[in-house]
Amino acid sequence: MSEAQAALHAIVHGRVQGVGFRFFVQRRAGEKGLSGWVRNLPDGDALEVLAEGPRSTLEALVSDLHRGPRMALVDKVDVSWREAAGAFEGFGIRV
């Protein structure tokens, strides 16, 4: 039996813009077979992630979000969980 699908909504705070964080998230999510998107938030020091897939795989993505790419400095990650809507194909970067 396959694992139930879930949706992750996360806001990552810190030095996360201008350091390749969105591309890092897109690559990690793609490697994990997740769908959804990532975007910078207008405040300049946060980004938003919405991803869907198996809960355990999403939890692994949350671990990636706490680390980020080499030049990032993550202060905190706010995470909330939802039911998956199945509305996404692939994982993209939103502007």
C-alpha atoms as a PDB file:
ATOM      1  CA  MET A   1       0.000   0.000   0.000  1.00  0.00           C
ATOM      2  CA  SER A   2       1.384   3.423  -0.930  1.00  0.00           C
ATOM      3  CA  GLU A   3       1.861   6.220   1.555  1.00  0.00           C
ATOM      4  CA  ALA A   4      -0.883   8.854   1.736  1.00  0.00           C
ATOM      5  CA  GLN A   5      -0.256  12.103  -0.099  1.00  0.00           C
ATOM      6  CA  ALA A   6       0.094  15.326   1.877  1.00  0.00           C
ATOM      7  CA  ALA A   7       0.822  18.988   1.207  1.00  0.00           C
ATOM      8  CA  LEU A   8       3.556  21.012   2.859  1.00  0.00           C
ATOM      9  CA  HIS A   9       3.434  24.786   3.180  1.00  0.00           C
ATOM     10  CA  ALA A  10       6.672  26.310   4.454  1.00  0.00           C
ATOM     11  CA  ILE A  11       8.086  29.795   4.928  1.00  0.00           C
ATOM     12  CA  VAL A  12      11.877  29.857   5.147  1.00  0.00           C
ATOM     13  CA  HIS A  13      13.366  32.899   6.902  1.00  0.00           C
ATOM     14  CA  GLY A  14      16.929  34.205   6.823  1.00  0.00           C
ATOM     15  CA  ARG A  15      19.474  34.921   4.089  1.00  0.00           C
ATOM     16  CA  VAL A  16      17.524  32.935   1.496  1.00  0.00           C
ATOM     17  CA  GLN A  17      17.255  35.323  -1.447  1.00  0.00           C
ATOM     18  CA  GLY A  18      20.088  35.888  -3.896  1.00  0.00           C
ATOM     19  CA  VAL A  19      21.877  32.678  -2.848  1.00  0.00           C
ATOM     20  CA  GLY A  20      20.264  30.151  -5.211  1.00  0.00           C
ATOM     21  CA  PHE A  21      17.780  28.868  -2.659  1.00  0.00           C
ATOM     22  CA  ARG A  22      14.852  28.602  -5.082  1.00  0.00           C
ATOM     23  CA  PHE A  23      16.952  26.545  -7.506  1.00  0.00           C
ATOM     24  CA  PHE A  24      18.159  24.401  -4.591  1.00  0.00           C
ATOM     25  CA  VAL A  25      14.550  23.694  -3.535  1.00  0.00           C
ATOM     26  CA  GLN A  26      13.471  22.988  -7.115  1.00  0.00           C
ATOM     27  CA  ARG A  27      16.342  20.516  -7.571  1.00  0.00           C
ATOM     28  CA  ARG A  28      15.741  18.737  -4.235  1.00  0.00           C
ATOM     29  CA  ALA A  29      11.981  18.520  -4.769  1.00  0.00           C
ATOM     30  CA  GLY A  30      12.494  17.213  -8.293  1.00  0.00           C
ATOM     31  CA  GLU A  31      14.942  14.566  -7.086  1.00  0.00           C
ATOM     32  CA  LYS A  32      12.341  13.471  -4.552  1.00  0.00           C
ATOM     33  CA  GLY A  33       9.516  13.359  -7.120  1.00  0.00           C
ATOM     34  CA  LEU A  34       7.503  16.092  -5.389  1.00  0.00           C
ATOM     35  CA  SER A  35       5.219  18.579  -7.115  1.00  0.00           C
ATOM     36  CA  GLY A  36       4.536  22.211  -6.287  1.00  0.00           C
ATOM     37  CA  TRP A  37       6.433  25.490  -6.349  1.00  0.00           C
ATOM     38  CA  VAL A  38       8.823  27.847  -4.560  1.00  0.00           C
ATOM     39  CA  ARG A  39       8.954  31.653  -4.672  1.00  0.00           C
ATOM     40  CA  ASN A  40      10.670  34.594  -2.999  1.00  0.00           C
ATOM     41  CA  LEU A  41       8.515  36.717  -0.730  1.00  0.00           C
ATOM     42  CA  PRO A  42       8.551  40.502  -1.170  1.00  0.00           C
ATOM     43  CA  ASP A  43      10.037  41.209   2.282  1.00  0.00           C
ATOM     44  CA  GLY A  44      13.469  40.200   0.924  1.00  0.00           C
ATOM     45  CA  ASP A  45      14.379  37.709   3.655  1.00  0.00           C
ATOM     46  CA  ALA A  46      11.936  34.835   3.205  1.00  0.00           C
ATOM     47  CA  LEU A  47      10.707  32.388   0.633  1.00  0.00           C
ATOM     48  CA  GLU A  48       7.589  30.253   0.387  1.00  0.00           C
ATOM     49  CA  VAL A  49       7.314  26.592  -0.569  1.00  0.00           C
ATOM     50  CA  LEU A  50       4.200  24.608  -1.404  1.00  0.00           C
ATOM     51  CA  ALA A  51       4.906  20.958  -2.131  1.00  0.00           C
ATOM     52  CA  GLU A  52       2.835  17.783  -2.443  1.00  0.00           C
ATOM     53  CA  GLY A  53       3.826  14.145  -2.171  1.00  0.00           C
ATOM     54  CA  PRO A  54       4.263  11.371   0.394  1.00  0.00           C
ATOM     55  CA  ARG A  55       4.492  12.787   3.940  1.00  0.00           C
ATOM     56  CA  SER A  56       7.865  11.112   4.675  1.00  0.00           C
ATOM     57  CA  THR A  57       9.333  12.569   1.473  1.00  0.00           C
ATOM     58  CA  LEU A  58       8.009  16.022   2.359  1.00  0.00           C
ATOM     59  CA  GLU A  59       9.597  15.699   5.809  1.00  0.00           C
ATOM     60  CA  ALA A  60      12.922  15.015   4.076  1.00  0.00           C
ATOM     61  CA  LEU A  61      12.408  18.224   2.065  1.00  0.00           C
ATOM     62  CA  VAL A  62      11.818  20.125   5.324  1.00  0.00           C
ATOM     63  CA  SER A  63      15.253  18.916   6.487  1.00  0.00           C
ATOM     64  CA  ASP A  64      16.713  20.280   3.238  1.00  0.00           C
ATOM     65  CA  LEU A  65      14.970  23.615   3.858  1.00  0.00           C
ATOM     66  CA  HIS A  66      16.639  23.911   7.277  1.00  0.00           C
ATOM     67  CA  ARG A  67      20.056  23.545   5.612  1.00  0.00           C
ATOM     68  CA  GLY A  68      19.641  25.292   2.267  1.00  0.00           C
ATOM     69  CA  PRO A  69      22.418  25.850  -0.251  1.00  0.00           C
ATOM     70  CA  ARG A  70      25.948  26.689   0.838  1.00  0.00           C
ATOM     71  CA  MET A  71      25.607  30.501   0.853  1.00  0.00           C
ATOM     72  CA  ALA A  72      22.241  30.562   2.650  1.00  0.00           C
ATOM     73  CA  LEU A  73      21.735  31.231   6.330  1.00  0.00           C
ATOM     74  CA  VAL A  74      18.400  29.842   7.528  1.00  0.00           C
ATOM     75  CA  ASP A  75      17.042  31.435  10.713  1.00  0.00           C
ATOM     76  CA  LYS A  76      13.812  29.436  10.930  1.00  0.00           C
ATOM     77  CA  VAL A  77      11.335  27.408   8.895  1.00  0.00           C
ATOM     78  CA  ASP A  78       7.604  27.745   9.601  1.00  0.00           C
ATOM     79  CA  VAL A  79       5.829  24.553   8.508  1.00  0.00           C
ATOM     80  CA  SER A  80       2.159  23.683   8.172  1.00  0.00           C
ATOM     81  CA  TRP A  81       0.514  20.579   6.747  1.00  0.00           C
ATOM     82  CA  ARG A  82      -2.583  20.210   4.563  1.00  0.00           C
ATOM     83  CA  GLU A  83      -4.344  17.600   2.509  1.00  0.00           C
ATOM     84  CA  ALA A  84      -2.896  17.225  -0.978  1.00  0.00           C
ATOM     85  CA  ALA A  85      -5.037  18.770  -3.711  1.00  0.00           C
ATOM     86  CA  GLY A  86      -3.203  17.127  -6.612  1.00  0.00           C
ATOM     87  CA  ALA A  87      -3.159  20.459  -8.435  1.00  0.00           C
ATOM     88  CA  PHE A  88       0.493  20.494  -9.565  1.00  0.00           C
ATOM     89  CA  GLU A  89       2.556  18.783 -12.234  1.00  0.00           C
ATOM     90  CA  GLY A  90       6.273  18.959 -11.596  1.00  0.00           C
ATOM     91  CA  PHE A  91       7.981  21.468  -9.352  1.00  0.00           C
ATOM     92  CA  GLY A  92       8.510  25.051 -10.496  1.00  0.00           C
ATOM     93  CA  ILE A  93       9.815  28.439  -9.483  1.00  0.00           C
ATOM     94  CA  ARG A  94       7.223  31.207  -9.279  1.00  0.00           C
ATOM     95  CA  VAL A  95       8.091  34.835  -9.673  1.00  0.00           C
END
